[in-house]
Amino acid sequence: MRLLSVRGVSKVFANGVEALADVALDIGEGEFLSVLGPSGCGKSTLLRLIAGLIGPTAGAIEWSGSKADIGFVFQEPTLMPWATALANVALPLRLRGMARSEREGRAAAALAEVGLTGFEHVWPRELSGGMKMRVSIARALVTEPRLLLMDEPFAALDEITRHRLNADLLELWQRSQVTVIFVTHSVFESVFLSQRIAVMTARPGRVAAELAIAAPHPREAAFRTSPEYAALCRHASALLGEAMAA
């Protein structure tokens, strides 16, 4: 069942930069879709358009939900340094006027979902980079969104932490059945995570190709060393190379 459609969307900014040109994309309910492309190709702009943070210059984004149905995880954790992990996660519920006891209970449950039970009253400065990102993911999920947008959330992390968070994210996705649109410039990450990859051209970005990743879930660490994974990575790399040369 289709959740969201991007119909011929283009975006030109006031300074004349053409970020996106005639982007067309359908996203299914409960799907994990990665948007793969080089830096500067408009991937983040596409997420902001879907979130309703900015408007398109042309085209339309069709879906039945509202902004309240969307969770957004940015490239940086963007945590409030003066608030505990629990208070950071509870912030969206506080802004909605939810009673303190209820919002803190839901925030604690969201932290447990990302493996941070016992860290509710820890300050952001006391957390590692990976733990800060887990708090950011918990904050995005605490409102129980239908759609989770993730803008290169693991790009700044070391490889070991990144792999661990990739695996944990897949478990979260399977439990929650939330629809995920995940922006990345890593072929390896996109193949491990996704059911489908949309490959974008260099700026102005458009969807040049799509690649289905039929490997079953759950995907264990062994998948990364399998011949199937290697072949899919080669295919995705070839499509990306063609898109960048187009």
C-alpha atoms as a PDB file:
ATOM      1  CA  MET A   1       0.000   0.000   0.000  1.00  0.00           C
ATOM      2  CA  ARG A   2       1.415   3.377  -1.026  1.00  0.00           C
ATOM      3  CA  LEU A   3       2.026   5.841   1.804  1.00  0.00           C
ATOM      4  CA  LEU A   4       3.573   8.785   0.000  1.00  0.00           C
ATOM      5  CA  SER A   5       4.201   9.962  -3.566  1.00  0.00           C
ATOM      6  CA  VAL A   6       6.661  12.561  -4.827  1.00  0.00           C
ATOM      7  CA  ARG A   7       5.294  13.844  -8.121  1.00  0.00           C
ATOM      8  CA  GLY A   8       7.642  15.764 -10.437  1.00  0.00           C
ATOM      9  CA  VAL A   9       9.156  17.778  -7.603  1.00  0.00           C
ATOM     10  CA  SER A  10      11.732  20.461  -8.345  1.00  0.00           C
ATOM     11  CA  LYS A  11      13.352  22.922  -5.953  1.00  0.00           C
ATOM     12  CA  VAL A  12      15.180  26.122  -6.862  1.00  0.00           C
ATOM     13  CA  PHE A  13      16.373  28.252  -3.945  1.00  0.00           C
ATOM     14  CA  ALA A  14      16.261  32.033  -3.824  1.00  0.00           C
ATOM     15  CA  ASN A  15      19.987  32.236  -4.613  1.00  0.00           C
ATOM     16  CA  GLY A  16      19.388  30.432  -7.906  1.00  0.00           C
ATOM     17  CA  VAL A  17      20.705  27.006  -6.856  1.00  0.00           C
ATOM     18  CA  GLU A  18      18.666  24.237  -8.498  1.00  0.00           C
ATOM     19  CA  ALA A  19      18.726  21.469  -5.910  1.00  0.00           C
ATOM     20  CA  LEU A  20      16.180  19.038  -7.369  1.00  0.00           C
ATOM     21  CA  ALA A  21      14.703  18.544 -10.834  1.00  0.00           C
ATOM     22  CA  ASP A  22      11.555  16.531 -11.583  1.00  0.00           C
ATOM     23  CA  VAL A  23      11.940  13.982  -8.770  1.00  0.00           C
ATOM     24  CA  ALA A  24       9.417  11.143  -8.900  1.00  0.00           C
ATOM     25  CA  LEU A  25       9.227   8.537  -6.146  1.00  0.00           C
ATOM     26  CA  ASP A  26       6.646   6.325  -4.428  1.00  0.00           C
ATOM     27  CA  ILE A  27       7.089   5.027  -0.872  1.00  0.00           C
ATOM     28  CA  GLY A  28       5.072   2.083   0.438  1.00  0.00           C
ATOM     29  CA  GLU A  29       3.535   1.713   3.890  1.00  0.00           C
ATOM     30  CA  GLY A  30       6.081   0.120   6.227  1.00  0.00           C
ATOM     31  CA  GLU A  31       8.885   0.247   3.663  1.00  0.00           C
ATOM     32  CA  PHE A  32      12.560   0.928   4.393  1.00  0.00           C
ATOM     33  CA  LEU A  33      13.799   3.067   1.515  1.00  0.00           C
ATOM     34  CA  SER A  34      17.303   4.499   1.231  1.00  0.00           C
ATOM     35  CA  VAL A  35      18.048   7.553  -0.897  1.00  0.00           C
ATOM     36  CA  LEU A  36      21.616   7.151  -2.153  1.00  0.00           C
ATOM     37  CA  GLY A  37      23.596   9.889  -3.842  1.00  0.00           C
ATOM     38  CA  PRO A  38      26.725  12.043  -3.726  1.00  0.00           C
ATOM     39  CA  SER A  39      27.071  14.968  -1.344  1.00  0.00           C
ATOM     40  CA  GLY A  40      25.217  18.041  -2.576  1.00  0.00           C
ATOM     41  CA  CYS A  41      22.755  16.162  -4.790  1.00  0.00           C
ATOM     42  CA  GLY A  42      19.675  17.368  -2.919  1.00  0.00           C
ATOM     43  CA  LYS A  43      19.002  14.357  -0.685  1.00  0.00           C
ATOM     44  CA  SER A  44      18.554  16.470   2.440  1.00  0.00           C
ATOM     45  CA  THR A  45      16.439  18.965   0.502  1.00  0.00           C
ATOM     46  CA  LEU A  46      14.152  16.109  -0.524  1.00  0.00           C
ATOM     47  CA  LEU A  47      13.672  15.088   3.116  1.00  0.00           C
ATOM     48  CA  ARG A  48      12.874  18.656   4.140  1.00  0.00           C
ATOM     49  CA  LEU A  49      10.307  18.868   1.351  1.00  0.00           C
ATOM     50  CA  ILE A  50       8.662  15.620   2.461  1.00  0.00           C
ATOM     51  CA  ALA A  51       8.612  16.883   6.049  1.00  0.00           C
ATOM     52  CA  GLY A  52       6.907  20.096   4.949  1.00  0.00           C
ATOM     53  CA  LEU A  53       9.752  22.240   6.285  1.00  0.00           C
ATOM     54  CA  ILE A  54      10.100  23.906   2.867  1.00  0.00           C
ATOM     55  CA  GLY A  55       7.887  23.968  -0.211  1.00  0.00           C
ATOM     56  CA  PRO A  56       8.633  22.744  -3.763  1.00  0.00           C
ATOM     57  CA  THR A  57       9.170  25.095  -6.680  1.00  0.00           C
ATOM     58  CA  ALA A  58       7.235  22.697  -8.887  1.00  0.00           C
ATOM     59  CA  GLY A  59       5.450  19.385  -8.466  1.00  0.00           C
ATOM     60  CA  ALA A  60       3.684  17.995  -5.418  1.00  0.00           C
ATOM     61  CA  ILE A  61       4.091  15.602  -2.490  1.00  0.00           C
ATOM     62  CA  GLU A  62       1.007  13.507  -1.850  1.00  0.00           C
ATOM     63  CA  TRP A  63       0.288  11.705   1.381  1.00  0.00           C
ATOM     64  CA  SER A  64      -2.590  11.342   3.809  1.00  0.00           C
ATOM     65  CA  GLY A  65      -0.725  12.245   6.996  1.00  0.00           C
ATOM     66  CA  SER A  66       0.229  15.501   8.673  1.00  0.00           C
ATOM     67  CA  LYS A  67       3.457  16.961  10.057  1.00  0.00           C
ATOM     68  CA  ALA A  68       2.547  15.386  13.400  1.00  0.00           C
ATOM     69  CA  ASP A  69       2.869  11.940  11.758  1.00  0.00           C
ATOM     70  CA  ILE A  70       6.526  12.526  10.843  1.00  0.00           C
ATOM     71  CA  GLY A  71       9.658  11.922  12.918  1.00  0.00           C
ATOM     72  CA  PHE A  72      12.940  13.475  11.764  1.00  0.00           C
ATOM     73  CA  VAL A  73      16.483  12.435  12.705  1.00  0.00           C
ATOM     74  CA  PHE A  74      19.079  14.957  11.547  1.00  0.00           C
ATOM     75  CA  GLN A  75      22.770  14.531  10.726  1.00  0.00           C
ATOM     76  CA  GLU A  76      23.664  15.859  14.185  1.00  0.00           C
ATOM     77  CA  PRO A  77      21.828  14.730  17.358  1.00  0.00           C
ATOM     78  CA  THR A  78      20.764  18.366  18.109  1.00  0.00           C
ATOM     79  CA  LEU A  79      20.168  17.639  21.791  1.00  0.00           C
ATOM     80  CA  MET A  80      19.522  20.390  24.325  1.00  0.00           C
ATOM     81  CA  PRO A  81      22.709  20.415  26.469  1.00  0.00           C
ATOM     82  CA  TRP A  82      20.865  21.709  29.540  1.00  0.00           C
ATOM     83  CA  ALA A  83      18.345  18.838  29.533  1.00  0.00           C
ATOM     84  CA  THR A  84      18.710  15.169  30.471  1.00  0.00           C
ATOM     85  CA  ALA A  85      18.270  12.377  27.962  1.00  0.00           C
ATOM     86  CA  LEU A  86      14.738  11.839  29.294  1.00  0.00           C
ATOM     87  CA  ALA A  87      13.821  15.513  28.974  1.00  0.00           C
ATOM     88  CA  ASN A  88      15.235  15.658  25.448  1.00  0.00           C
ATOM     89  CA  VAL A  89      13.155  12.696  24.345  1.00  0.00           C
ATOM     90  CA  ALA A  90      10.036  14.007  26.079  1.00  0.00           C
ATOM     91  CA  LEU A  91      10.284  17.445  24.432  1.00  0.00           C
ATOM     92  CA  PRO A  92       7.943  16.737  21.461  1.00  0.00           C
ATOM     93  CA  LEU A  93       5.293  15.448  23.882  1.00  0.00           C
ATOM     94  CA  ARG A  94       5.769  18.451  26.159  1.00  0.00           C
ATOM     95  CA  LEU A  95       5.222  20.758  23.170  1.00  0.00           C
ATOM     96  CA  ARG A  96       1.944  18.933  22.529  1.00  0.00           C
ATOM     97  CA  GLY A  97       0.802  19.661  26.075  1.00  0.00           C
ATOM     98  CA  MET A  98       0.984  16.095  27.385  1.00  0.00           C
ATOM     99  CA  ALA A  99       0.981  15.705  31.177  1.00  0.00           C
ATOM    100  CA  ARG A 100       4.426  15.286  32.727  1.00  0.00           C
ATOM    101  CA  SER A 101       3.907  11.802  34.122  1.00  0.00           C
ATOM    102  CA  GLU A 102       2.617  10.452  30.809  1.00  0.00           C
ATOM    103  CA  ARG A 103       5.286  12.085  28.645  1.00  0.00           C
ATOM    104  CA  GLU A 104       8.097  10.937  30.921  1.00  0.00           C
ATOM    105  CA  GLY A 105       6.736   7.399  30.913  1.00  0.00           C
ATOM    106  CA  ARG A 106       6.644   7.366  27.122  1.00  0.00           C
ATOM    107  CA  ALA A 107      10.096   8.940  26.907  1.00  0.00           C
ATOM    108  CA  ALA A 108      11.532   6.273  29.224  1.00  0.00           C
ATOM    109  CA  ALA A 109       9.944   3.567  27.064  1.00  0.00           C
ATOM    110  CA  ALA A 110      11.438   5.153  23.918  1.00  0.00           C
ATOM    111  CA  LEU A 111      14.887   5.219  25.518  1.00  0.00           C
ATOM    112  CA  ALA A 112      14.481   1.546  26.396  1.00  0.00           C
ATOM    113  CA  GLU A 113      13.637   0.831  22.737  1.00  0.00           C
ATOM    114  CA  VAL A 114      17.044   2.222  21.691  1.00  0.00           C
ATOM    115  CA  GLY A 115      18.953   0.417  24.433  1.00  0.00           C
ATOM    116  CA  LEU A 116      19.402   3.310  26.867  1.00  0.00           C
ATOM    117  CA  THR A 117      17.577   2.102  29.964  1.00  0.00           C
ATOM    118  CA  GLY A 118      19.428   3.537  32.957  1.00  0.00           C
ATOM    119  CA  PHE A 119      20.562   6.650  31.084  1.00  0.00           C
ATOM    120  CA  GLU A 120      17.371   8.653  31.555  1.00  0.00           C
ATOM    121  CA  HIS A 121      18.971  11.265  33.822  1.00  0.00           C
ATOM    122  CA  VAL A 122      22.323  11.546  32.066  1.00  0.00           C
ATOM    123  CA  TRP A 123      23.343  14.833  30.414  1.00  0.00           C
ATOM    124  CA  PRO A 124      24.232  14.908  26.687  1.00  0.00           C
ATOM    125  CA  ARG A 125      27.864  15.868  27.475  1.00  0.00           C
ATOM    126  CA  GLU A 126      28.218  12.546  29.311  1.00  0.00           C
ATOM    127  CA  LEU A 127      27.096  10.477  26.312  1.00  0.00           C
ATOM    128  CA  SER A 128      29.183   9.091  23.455  1.00  0.00           C
ATOM    129  CA  GLY A 129      28.411  10.077  19.867  1.00  0.00           C
ATOM    130  CA  GLY A 130      26.509   6.854  19.263  1.00  0.00           C
ATOM    131  CA  MET A 131      24.488   7.242  22.453  1.00  0.00           C
ATOM    132  CA  LYS A 132      23.570  10.817  21.544  1.00  0.00           C
ATOM    133  CA  MET A 133      22.255   9.565  18.216  1.00  0.00           C
ATOM    134  CA  ARG A 134      20.232   6.880  20.020  1.00  0.00           C
ATOM    135  CA  VAL A 135      18.622   9.639  22.100  1.00  0.00           C
ATOM    136  CA  SER A 136      17.856  11.538  18.894  1.00  0.00           C
ATOM    137  CA  ILE A 137      16.212   8.442  17.390  1.00  0.00           C
ATOM    138  CA  ALA A 138      14.192   7.887  20.569  1.00  0.00           C
ATOM    139  CA  ARG A 139      12.996  11.503  20.421  1.00  0.00           C
ATOM    140  CA  ALA A 140      11.870  11.008  16.806  1.00  0.00           C
ATOM    141  CA  LEU A 141      10.008   7.802  17.687  1.00  0.00           C
ATOM    142  CA  VAL A 142       8.363   8.922  20.952  1.00  0.00           C
ATOM    143  CA  THR A 143       5.437  10.488  19.062  1.00  0.00           C
ATOM    144  CA  GLU A 144       4.823   7.135  17.289  1.00  0.00           C
ATOM    145  CA  PRO A 145       5.145   8.587  13.774  1.00  0.00           C
ATOM    146  CA  ARG A 146       3.934   6.863  10.622  1.00  0.00           C
ATOM    147  CA  LEU A 147       6.971   8.129   8.707  1.00  0.00           C
ATOM    148  CA  LEU A 148      10.564   8.394   9.967  1.00  0.00           C
ATOM    149  CA  LEU A 149      12.962  10.589   7.973  1.00  0.00           C
ATOM    150  CA  MET A 150      16.676  10.059   8.647  1.00  0.00           C
ATOM    151  CA  ASP A 151      19.280  12.409   7.162  1.00  0.00           C
ATOM    152  CA  GLU A 152      22.674  10.639   7.206  1.00  0.00           C
ATOM    153  CA  PRO A 153      22.374  10.078  10.964  1.00  0.00           C
ATOM    154  CA  PHE A 154      25.416   7.804  11.293  1.00  0.00           C
ATOM    155  CA  ALA A 155      27.830   9.547   8.920  1.00  0.00           C
ATOM    156  CA  ALA A 156      30.004  11.062  11.674  1.00  0.00           C
ATOM    157  CA  LEU A 157      30.342   7.857  13.703  1.00  0.00           C
ATOM    158  CA  ASP A 158      33.168   5.331  13.664  1.00  0.00           C
ATOM    159  CA  GLU A 159      32.609   2.192  11.622  1.00  0.00           C
ATOM    160  CA  ILE A 160      32.046  -0.155  14.577  1.00  0.00           C
ATOM    161  CA  THR A 161      29.425   2.132  16.138  1.00  0.00           C
ATOM    162  CA  ARG A 162      27.824   2.697  12.756  1.00  0.00           C
ATOM    163  CA  HIS A 163      27.451  -1.026  12.098  1.00  0.00           C
ATOM    164  CA  ARG A 164      25.938  -1.562  15.543  1.00  0.00           C
ATOM    165  CA  LEU A 165      23.431   1.247  15.048  1.00  0.00           C
ATOM    166  CA  ASN A 166      22.557  -0.050  11.582  1.00  0.00           C
ATOM    167  CA  ALA A 167      21.621  -3.421  13.091  1.00  0.00           C
ATOM    168  CA  ASP A 168      19.715  -1.821  15.964  1.00  0.00           C
ATOM    169  CA  LEU A 169      17.816   0.451  13.567  1.00  0.00           C
ATOM    170  CA  LEU A 170      16.645  -2.538  11.547  1.00  0.00           C
ATOM    171  CA  GLU A 171      15.366  -4.208  14.718  1.00  0.00           C
ATOM    172  CA  LEU A 172      13.498  -1.021  15.674  1.00  0.00           C
ATOM    173  CA  TRP A 173      12.001  -0.770  12.190  1.00  0.00           C
ATOM    174  CA  GLN A 174      10.790  -4.365  12.282  1.00  0.00           C
ATOM    175  CA  ARG A 175       9.214  -3.927  15.720  1.00  0.00           C
ATOM    176  CA  SER A 176       7.530  -0.611  15.023  1.00  0.00           C
ATOM    177  CA  GLN A 177       6.618  -1.107  11.338  1.00  0.00           C
ATOM    178  CA  VAL A 178       7.261   2.616  10.811  1.00  0.00           C
ATOM    179  CA  THR A 179       8.020   3.694   7.233  1.00  0.00           C
ATOM    180  CA  VAL A 180      11.652   4.846   6.946  1.00  0.00           C
ATOM    181  CA  ILE A 181      13.279   7.096   4.344  1.00  0.00           C
ATOM    182  CA  PHE A 182      17.010   6.988   5.034  1.00  0.00           C
ATOM    183  CA  VAL A 183      19.428   9.370   3.297  1.00  0.00           C
ATOM    184  CA  THR A 184      23.013   8.194   2.882  1.00  0.00           C
ATOM    185  CA  HIS A 185      26.023   8.495   0.580  1.00  0.00           C
ATOM    186  CA  SER A 186      27.264   5.048   1.619  1.00  0.00           C
ATOM    187  CA  VAL A 187      26.576   2.211  -0.805  1.00  0.00           C
ATOM    188  CA  PHE A 188      27.397  -0.358   1.882  1.00  0.00           C
ATOM    189  CA  GLU A 189      24.998   1.151   4.417  1.00  0.00           C
ATOM    190  CA  SER A 190      22.167   1.469   1.913  1.00  0.00           C
ATOM    191  CA  VAL A 191      22.441  -2.180   0.842  1.00  0.00           C
ATOM    192  CA  PHE A 192      22.537  -3.472   4.420  1.00  0.00           C
ATOM    193  CA  LEU A 193      19.537  -1.471   5.596  1.00  0.00           C
ATOM    194  CA  SER A 194      17.124  -1.188   2.731  1.00  0.00           C
ATOM    195  CA  GLN A 195      14.340  -2.987   1.006  1.00  0.00           C
ATOM    196  CA  ARG A 196      14.812  -0.573  -1.894  1.00  0.00           C
ATOM    197  CA  ILE A 197      17.383   2.051  -2.889  1.00  0.00           C
ATOM    198  CA  ALA A 198      16.614   5.182  -4.897  1.00  0.00           C
ATOM    199  CA  VAL A 199      19.810   6.356  -6.625  1.00  0.00           C
ATOM    200  CA  MET A 200      20.102  10.087  -7.289  1.00  0.00           C
ATOM    201  CA  THR A 201      22.117  12.057  -9.803  1.00  0.00           C
ATOM    202  CA  ALA A 202      24.460  14.923  -8.951  1.00  0.00           C
ATOM    203  CA  ARG A 203      22.829  18.339  -8.606  1.00  0.00           C
ATOM    204  CA  PRO A 204      20.192  19.033  -9.695  1.00  0.00           C
ATOM    205  CA  GLY A 205      19.145  15.767  -8.085  1.00  0.00           C
ATOM    206  CA  ARG A 206      16.681  13.407  -9.670  1.00  0.00           C
ATOM    207  CA  VAL A 207      16.019   9.696  -9.226  1.00  0.00           C
ATOM    208  CA  ALA A 208      18.078   7.967 -11.899  1.00  0.00           C
ATOM    209  CA  ALA A 209      17.518   4.342 -10.847  1.00  0.00           C
ATOM    210  CA  GLU A 210      15.960   2.115  -8.219  1.00  0.00           C
ATOM    211  CA  LEU A 211      17.363  -1.132  -6.836  1.00  0.00           C
ATOM    212  CA  ALA A 212      15.346  -3.707  -4.885  1.00  0.00           C
ATOM    213  CA  ILE A 213      17.207  -5.454  -2.038  1.00  0.00           C
ATOM    214  CA  ALA A 214      15.438  -8.775  -1.686  1.00  0.00           C
ATOM    215  CA  ALA A 215      17.625 -10.210   1.089  1.00  0.00           C
ATOM    216  CA  PRO A 216      15.416 -11.370   3.974  1.00  0.00           C
ATOM    217  CA  HIS A 217      15.195  -9.803   7.425  1.00  0.00           C
ATOM    218  CA  PRO A 218      16.499  -9.942  10.062  1.00  0.00           C
ATOM    219  CA  ARG A 219      19.926  -9.249   8.542  1.00  0.00           C
ATOM    220  CA  GLU A 220      22.735 -10.427  10.742  1.00  0.00           C
ATOM    221  CA  ALA A 221      26.351  -9.266  10.690  1.00  0.00           C
ATOM    222  CA  ALA A 222      27.179 -12.270   8.498  1.00  0.00           C
ATOM    223  CA  PHE A 223      25.150 -10.702   5.678  1.00  0.00           C
ATOM    224  CA  ARG A 224      27.900  -8.088   5.284  1.00  0.00           C
ATOM    225  CA  THR A 225      30.416 -10.770   4.297  1.00  0.00           C
ATOM    226  CA  SER A 226      28.095 -12.790   2.062  1.00  0.00           C
ATOM    227  CA  PRO A 227      28.478 -13.097  -1.745  1.00  0.00           C
ATOM    228  CA  GLU A 228      24.919 -11.745  -2.094  1.00  0.00           C
ATOM    229  CA  TYR A 229      25.813  -8.554  -0.219  1.00  0.00           C
ATOM    230  CA  ALA A 230      28.969  -8.071  -2.271  1.00  0.00           C
ATOM    231  CA  ALA A 231      27.046  -8.484  -5.535  1.00  0.00           C
ATOM    232  CA  LEU A 232      24.349  -6.022  -4.437  1.00  0.00           C
ATOM    233  CA  CYS A 233      26.997  -3.480  -3.413  1.00  0.00           C
ATOM    234  CA  ARG A 234      28.661  -3.808  -6.833  1.00  0.00           C
ATOM    235  CA  HIS A 235      25.300  -3.280  -8.526  1.00  0.00           C
ATOM    236  CA  ALA A 236      24.461  -0.246  -6.382  1.00  0.00           C
ATOM    237  CA  SER A 237      27.945   1.210  -6.978  1.00  0.00           C
ATOM    238  CA  ALA A 238      27.527   0.791 -10.745  1.00  0.00           C
ATOM    239  CA  LEU A 239      24.134   2.504 -10.677  1.00  0.00           C
ATOM    240  CA  LEU A 240      25.558   5.350  -8.604  1.00  0.00           C
ATOM    241  CA  GLY A 241      28.454   5.764 -11.012  1.00  0.00           C
ATOM    242  CA  GLU A 242      26.056   5.897 -13.967  1.00  0.00           C
ATOM    243  CA  ALA A 243      23.850   8.413 -12.155  1.00  0.00           C
ATOM    244  CA  MET A 244      26.763  10.703 -11.370  1.00  0.00           C
ATOM    245  CA  ALA A 245      27.957  10.559 -14.980  1.00  0.00           C
ATOM    246  CA  ALA A 246      24.489  11.274 -16.397  1.00  0.00           C
END
